[in-house]
Amino acid sequence: VKQGPLAVITNALMPAVLVEIGFLSHAEEGPLLGQESFQKDAAGAIAEAVRRFFDRYPPGSGEGA
């Protein structure tokens, strides 16, 4: 996890997260990114992380933002 003044996050008008799954130009990651099973696994992991975040910091709780 890294934090930084990235425009796609700091200029957002709502809470935002930037997720990088891999790099197309990387010899091993590039082909993996094209696999449907990898895409589904990555999407599932991101969705689970969002669910866990909201379980821990429910909207309106004043925490986590």
C-alpha atoms as a PDB file:
ATOM      1  CA  VAL A   1       0.000   0.000   0.000  1.00  0.00           C
ATOM      2  CA  LYS A   2       1.337   3.364  -1.022  1.00  0.00           C
ATOM      3  CA  GLN A   3      -0.084   6.824  -0.615  1.00  0.00           C
ATOM      4  CA  GLY A   4       0.739   9.821  -2.706  1.00  0.00           C
ATOM      5  CA  PRO A   5      -0.597  13.007  -4.250  1.00  0.00           C
ATOM      6  CA  LEU A   6      -1.874  11.328  -7.411  1.00  0.00           C
ATOM      7  CA  ALA A   7      -4.244  13.499  -9.482  1.00  0.00           C
ATOM      8  CA  VAL A   8      -6.689  10.648 -10.113  1.00  0.00           C
ATOM      9  CA  ILE A   9      -7.187  10.394  -6.358  1.00  0.00           C
ATOM     10  CA  THR A  10      -6.659  13.908  -5.018  1.00  0.00           C
ATOM     11  CA  ASN A  11      -8.866  15.549  -7.670  1.00  0.00           C
ATOM     12  CA  ALA A  12     -11.737  13.132  -7.150  1.00  0.00           C
ATOM     13  CA  LEU A  13     -14.882  14.602  -5.640  1.00  0.00           C
ATOM     14  CA  MET A  14     -15.497  11.415  -3.647  1.00  0.00           C
ATOM     15  CA  PRO A  15     -13.441   8.804  -1.818  1.00  0.00           C
ATOM     16  CA  ALA A  16     -11.172   7.079  -4.333  1.00  0.00           C
ATOM     17  CA  VAL A  17      -8.710   4.231  -4.595  1.00  0.00           C
ATOM     18  CA  LEU A  18      -6.258   3.519  -7.403  1.00  0.00           C
ATOM     19  CA  VAL A  19      -5.701  -0.184  -7.976  1.00  0.00           C
ATOM     20  CA  GLU A  20      -2.922  -1.491 -10.201  1.00  0.00           C
ATOM     21  CA  ILE A  21      -3.213  -5.183 -10.968  1.00  0.00           C
ATOM     22  CA  GLY A  22      -0.186  -5.546 -13.226  1.00  0.00           C
ATOM     23  CA  PHE A  23       1.654  -4.136 -16.210  1.00  0.00           C
ATOM     24  CA  LEU A  24       0.959  -5.072 -19.828  1.00  0.00           C
ATOM     25  CA  SER A  25       4.617  -4.486 -20.681  1.00  0.00           C
ATOM     26  CA  HIS A  26       5.855  -6.971 -18.051  1.00  0.00           C
ATOM     27  CA  ALA A  27       6.828 -10.308 -19.615  1.00  0.00           C
ATOM     28  CA  GLU A  28       4.970 -12.420 -17.032  1.00  0.00           C
ATOM     29  CA  GLU A  29       2.177 -10.060 -15.959  1.00  0.00           C
ATOM     30  CA  GLY A  30       1.098  -9.010 -19.455  1.00  0.00           C
ATOM     31  CA  PRO A  31      -0.170 -12.408 -20.614  1.00  0.00           C
ATOM     32  CA  LEU A  32      -1.713 -13.081 -17.202  1.00  0.00           C
ATOM     33  CA  LEU A  33      -3.816  -9.923 -17.482  1.00  0.00           C
ATOM     34  CA  GLY A  34      -5.469 -11.343 -20.586  1.00  0.00           C
ATOM     35  CA  GLN A  35      -6.667 -14.508 -18.847  1.00  0.00           C
ATOM     36  CA  GLU A  36     -10.337 -14.512 -17.912  1.00  0.00           C
ATOM     37  CA  SER A  37      -9.691 -16.553 -14.758  1.00  0.00           C
ATOM     38  CA  PHE A  38      -7.103 -14.028 -13.561  1.00  0.00           C
ATOM     39  CA  GLN A  39      -9.473 -11.139 -14.292  1.00  0.00           C
ATOM     40  CA  LYS A  40     -12.265 -12.816 -12.316  1.00  0.00           C
ATOM     41  CA  ASP A  41      -9.947 -13.579  -9.395  1.00  0.00           C
ATOM     42  CA  ALA A  42      -8.618 -10.003  -9.348  1.00  0.00           C
ATOM     43  CA  ALA A  43     -12.120  -8.524  -9.536  1.00  0.00           C
ATOM     44  CA  GLY A  44     -13.282 -10.811  -6.738  1.00  0.00           C
ATOM     45  CA  ALA A  45     -10.348  -9.820  -4.535  1.00  0.00           C
ATOM     46  CA  ILE A  46     -11.015  -6.111  -5.102  1.00  0.00           C
ATOM     47  CA  ALA A  47     -14.732  -6.554  -4.386  1.00  0.00           C
ATOM     48  CA  GLU A  48     -13.941  -8.434  -1.164  1.00  0.00           C
ATOM     49  CA  ALA A  49     -11.550  -5.678  -0.081  1.00  0.00           C
ATOM     50  CA  VAL A  50     -14.257  -3.053  -0.639  1.00  0.00           C
ATOM     51  CA  ARG A  51     -16.765  -5.153   1.331  1.00  0.00           C
ATOM     52  CA  ARG A  52     -14.315  -5.531   4.212  1.00  0.00           C
ATOM     53  CA  PHE A  53     -13.600  -1.808   4.210  1.00  0.00           C
ATOM     54  CA  PHE A  54     -17.292  -0.952   4.485  1.00  0.00           C
ATOM     55  CA  ASP A  55     -17.816  -3.620   7.154  1.00  0.00           C
ATOM     56  CA  ARG A  56     -15.059  -1.989   9.188  1.00  0.00           C
ATOM     57  CA  TYR A  57     -15.973   1.623   8.341  1.00  0.00           C
ATOM     58  CA  PRO A  58     -19.718   1.799   7.644  1.00  0.00           C
ATOM     59  CA  PRO A  59     -20.932   4.842   5.718  1.00  0.00           C
ATOM     60  CA  GLY A  60     -21.813   7.628   8.124  1.00  0.00           C
ATOM     61  CA  SER A  61     -19.595   6.300  10.914  1.00  0.00           C
ATOM     62  CA  GLY A  62     -17.152   9.200  10.542  1.00  0.00           C
ATOM     63  CA  GLU A  63     -14.204   6.810  10.279  1.00  0.00           C
ATOM     64  CA  GLY A  64     -12.024   5.693   7.400  1.00  0.00           C
ATOM     65  CA  ALA A  65     -12.236   8.801   5.243  1.00  0.00           C
END
